[in-house]
């Protein structure tokens, strides 16, 4: 993991979190809508949409599967 981490460091300062480059984005339907809303509210865009992979999570209702999942 250190080898991968080191290959993605952009800036490292003492007593501060490292700034790393994320070269793949895995998004799913549970938390991604909030993340994209946050980008929109701050007038930001996904920098590399071509490196974004979307998948459905494994959300399955545990009761009454005939009803939709509530937000």
N, C-alpha and C. Protein backbone atom coordinates (compact mmCIF):
# COMPACT_ATOMS: atom_id res chain seq x y z
N UNK A 1 0.82 -1.18 0.00
CA UNK A 1 0.00 0.00 0.00
C UNK A 1 0.88 1.26 0.00
N UNK A 2 1.97 1.24 0.72
CA UNK A 2 2.84 2.42 0.77
C UNK A 2 3.34 2.79 -0.62
N UNK A 3 3.66 1.79 -1.42
CA UNK A 3 4.15 2.03 -2.77
C UNK A 3 3.09 2.75 -3.61
N UNK A 4 1.84 2.32 -3.49
CA UNK A 4 0.74 2.96 -4.22
C UNK A 4 0.51 4.37 -3.69
N UNK A 5 0.47 4.51 -2.36
CA UNK A 5 0.28 5.83 -1.74
C UNK A 5 1.37 6.80 -2.22
N UNK A 6 2.62 6.37 -2.12
CA UNK A 6 3.74 7.24 -2.51
C UNK A 6 3.66 7.66 -3.97
N UNK A 7 3.16 6.79 -4.82
CA UNK A 7 3.05 7.12 -6.25
C UNK A 7 1.97 8.16 -6.53
N UNK A 8 1.08 8.40 -5.55
CA UNK A 8 -0.04 9.32 -5.77
C UNK A 8 0.05 10.61 -4.95
N UNK A 9 1.12 10.78 -4.19
CA UNK A 9 1.28 12.00 -3.38
C UNK A 9 1.53 13.20 -4.30
N UNK A 10 0.76 14.26 -4.07
CA UNK A 10 0.95 15.52 -4.79
C UNK A 10 1.76 16.47 -3.91
N UNK A 11 1.33 16.64 -2.66
CA UNK A 11 2.01 17.52 -1.70
C UNK A 11 1.98 16.85 -0.34
N UNK A 12 3.11 16.91 0.34
CA UNK A 12 3.20 16.40 1.70
C UNK A 12 3.86 17.46 2.57
N UNK A 13 3.15 17.88 3.63
CA UNK A 13 3.71 18.86 4.57
C UNK A 13 3.63 18.27 5.96
N UNK A 14 4.62 18.59 6.76
CA UNK A 14 4.65 18.09 8.13
C UNK A 14 3.44 18.63 8.90
N UNK A 15 2.84 17.79 9.71
CA UNK A 15 1.67 18.12 10.54
C UNK A 15 0.44 18.49 9.73
N UNK A 16 0.38 18.04 8.48
CA UNK A 16 -0.79 18.27 7.63
C UNK A 16 -1.12 16.98 6.88
N UNK A 17 -2.38 16.81 6.53
CA UNK A 17 -2.71 15.63 5.73
C UNK A 17 -2.06 15.72 4.35
N UNK A 18 -1.72 14.58 3.80
CA UNK A 18 -1.15 14.54 2.45
C UNK A 18 -2.22 14.87 1.43
N UNK A 19 -1.83 15.55 0.37
CA UNK A 19 -2.71 15.77 -0.77
C UNK A 19 -2.33 14.71 -1.80
N UNK A 20 -3.30 13.86 -2.15
CA UNK A 20 -3.02 12.78 -3.10
C UNK A 20 -3.89 12.92 -4.34
N UNK A 21 -3.41 12.37 -5.44
CA UNK A 21 -4.16 12.34 -6.68
C UNK A 21 -4.92 11.02 -6.74
N UNK A 22 -6.23 11.11 -6.90
CA UNK A 22 -7.07 9.92 -7.01
C UNK A 22 -7.28 9.65 -8.49
N UNK A 23 -6.80 8.51 -8.96
CA UNK A 23 -6.88 8.24 -10.40
C UNK A 23 -8.05 7.36 -10.80
N UNK A 24 -8.85 6.94 -9.86
CA UNK A 24 -10.08 6.20 -10.17
C UNK A 24 -11.13 6.61 -9.14
N UNK A 25 -12.37 6.76 -9.58
CA UNK A 25 -13.47 7.07 -8.67
C UNK A 25 -14.49 5.96 -8.79
N UNK A 26 -14.80 5.32 -7.69
CA UNK A 26 -15.85 4.31 -7.66
C UNK A 26 -17.04 4.94 -6.97
N UNK A 27 -18.14 5.08 -7.68
CA UNK A 27 -19.32 5.72 -7.12
C UNK A 27 -20.49 4.74 -7.11
N UNK A 28 -21.40 4.94 -6.15
CA UNK A 28 -22.60 4.12 -6.07
C UNK A 28 -23.76 4.98 -5.63
N UNK A 29 -24.94 4.40 -5.62
CA UNK A 29 -26.16 5.20 -5.44
C UNK A 29 -26.42 5.65 -4.01
N UNK A 30 -25.65 5.20 -3.04
CA UNK A 30 -25.95 5.53 -1.65
C UNK A 30 -25.41 6.90 -1.26
N UNK A 31 -24.13 7.16 -1.47
CA UNK A 31 -23.54 8.44 -1.04
C UNK A 31 -23.15 9.35 -2.19
N UNK A 32 -23.14 8.84 -3.40
CA UNK A 32 -22.71 9.66 -4.54
C UNK A 32 -23.61 10.87 -4.80
N UNK A 33 -24.95 10.75 -4.65
CA UNK A 33 -25.77 11.94 -4.89
C UNK A 33 -25.37 13.13 -4.01
N UNK A 34 -25.06 12.87 -2.74
CA UNK A 34 -24.64 13.95 -1.85
C UNK A 34 -23.29 14.52 -2.29
N UNK A 35 -22.40 13.67 -2.74
CA UNK A 35 -21.09 14.14 -3.19
C UNK A 35 -21.23 15.03 -4.42
N UNK A 36 -22.06 14.62 -5.37
CA UNK A 36 -22.25 15.43 -6.57
C UNK A 36 -22.98 16.73 -6.25
N UNK A 37 -23.91 16.70 -5.29
CA UNK A 37 -24.56 17.94 -4.85
C UNK A 37 -23.52 18.89 -4.26
N UNK A 38 -22.59 18.35 -3.48
CA UNK A 38 -21.53 19.18 -2.90
C UNK A 38 -20.66 19.82 -3.97
N UNK A 39 -20.36 19.07 -5.01
CA UNK A 39 -19.58 19.64 -6.12
C UNK A 39 -20.36 20.77 -6.78
N UNK A 40 -21.64 20.53 -7.04
CA UNK A 40 -22.47 21.56 -7.69
C UNK A 40 -22.57 22.82 -6.84
N UNK A 41 -22.79 22.65 -5.53
CA UNK A 41 -22.92 23.81 -4.64
C UNK A 41 -21.65 24.65 -4.60
N UNK A 42 -20.51 24.03 -4.86
CA UNK A 42 -19.23 24.74 -4.84
C UNK A 42 -18.72 25.05 -6.24
N UNK A 43 -19.62 24.94 -7.23
CA UNK A 43 -19.27 25.21 -8.63
C UNK A 43 -18.03 24.43 -9.08
N UNK A 44 -17.99 23.16 -8.70
CA UNK A 44 -16.89 22.29 -9.09
C UNK A 44 -17.40 21.18 -9.99
N UNK A 45 -16.49 20.56 -10.72
CA UNK A 45 -16.84 19.46 -11.60
C UNK A 45 -15.96 18.26 -11.28
N UNK A 46 -16.40 17.10 -11.72
CA UNK A 46 -15.54 15.92 -11.63
C UNK A 46 -14.40 16.15 -12.61
N UNK A 47 -13.19 16.09 -12.12
CA UNK A 47 -12.04 16.42 -12.95
C UNK A 47 -11.83 15.45 -14.10
N UNK A 48 -12.00 14.16 -13.86
CA UNK A 48 -11.77 13.14 -14.89
C UNK A 48 -12.96 12.18 -14.92
N UNK A 49 -14.09 12.59 -15.50
CA UNK A 49 -15.24 11.68 -15.54
C UNK A 49 -14.95 10.39 -16.29
N UNK A 50 -13.96 10.41 -17.17
CA UNK A 50 -13.60 9.19 -17.90
C UNK A 50 -12.96 8.14 -16.99
N UNK A 51 -12.55 8.54 -15.80
CA UNK A 51 -11.95 7.62 -14.83
C UNK A 51 -12.91 7.29 -13.69
N UNK A 52 -14.19 7.58 -13.88
CA UNK A 52 -15.20 7.31 -12.87
C UNK A 52 -15.96 6.04 -13.23
N UNK A 53 -16.06 5.14 -12.28
CA UNK A 53 -16.76 3.87 -12.48
C UNK A 53 -17.96 3.86 -11.55
N UNK A 54 -19.15 3.67 -12.11
CA UNK A 54 -20.37 3.66 -11.32
C UNK A 54 -20.90 2.24 -11.19
N UNK A 55 -21.39 1.92 -10.01
CA UNK A 55 -21.98 0.61 -9.77
C UNK A 55 -23.13 0.75 -8.79
N UNK A 56 -24.05 -0.16 -8.85
CA UNK A 56 -25.12 -0.18 -7.85
C UNK A 56 -24.59 -0.89 -6.62
N UNK A 57 -24.92 -0.37 -5.47
CA UNK A 57 -24.53 -1.00 -4.23
C UNK A 57 -25.47 -2.17 -3.97
N UNK A 58 -25.29 -2.84 -2.90
CA UNK A 58 -26.11 -4.01 -2.60
C UNK A 58 -27.24 -3.66 -1.62
N UNK A 59 -27.92 -2.56 -1.86
CA UNK A 59 -29.04 -2.18 -1.00
C UNK A 59 -30.25 -3.02 -1.33
N UNK A 60 -30.68 -3.77 -0.37
CA UNK A 60 -31.87 -4.60 -0.53
C UNK A 60 -32.74 -4.36 0.69
N UNK A 61 -34.02 -4.03 0.48
CA UNK A 61 -34.89 -3.85 1.63
C UNK A 61 -34.96 -5.13 2.46
N UNK A 62 -35.01 -4.98 3.76
CA UNK A 62 -35.10 -6.16 4.62
C UNK A 62 -36.53 -6.52 4.96
N UNK A 63 -37.45 -5.62 4.65
CA UNK A 63 -38.86 -5.94 4.87
C UNK A 63 -39.68 -5.36 3.72
N UNK A 64 -40.71 -6.03 3.37
CA UNK A 64 -41.65 -5.63 2.32
C UNK A 64 -40.91 -5.19 1.04
N UNK A 65 -40.34 -6.14 0.36
CA UNK A 65 -39.55 -5.86 -0.84
C UNK A 65 -40.39 -5.37 -2.01
N UNK A 66 -41.70 -5.36 -1.85
CA UNK A 66 -42.56 -4.88 -2.93
C UNK A 66 -42.65 -3.36 -2.95
N UNK A 67 -42.21 -2.71 -1.86
CA UNK A 67 -42.25 -1.25 -1.77
C UNK A 67 -40.89 -0.68 -2.18
N UNK A 68 -40.86 0.54 -2.70
CA UNK A 68 -39.57 1.15 -3.06
C UNK A 68 -38.76 1.50 -1.81
N UNK A 69 -37.45 1.67 -2.00
CA UNK A 69 -36.58 2.09 -0.91
C UNK A 69 -36.83 3.58 -0.66
N UNK A 70 -37.07 3.93 0.59
CA UNK A 70 -37.31 5.33 0.94
C UNK A 70 -35.99 6.07 1.05
N UNK A 71 -35.98 7.33 0.63
CA UNK A 71 -34.77 8.16 0.75
C UNK A 71 -34.60 8.63 2.17
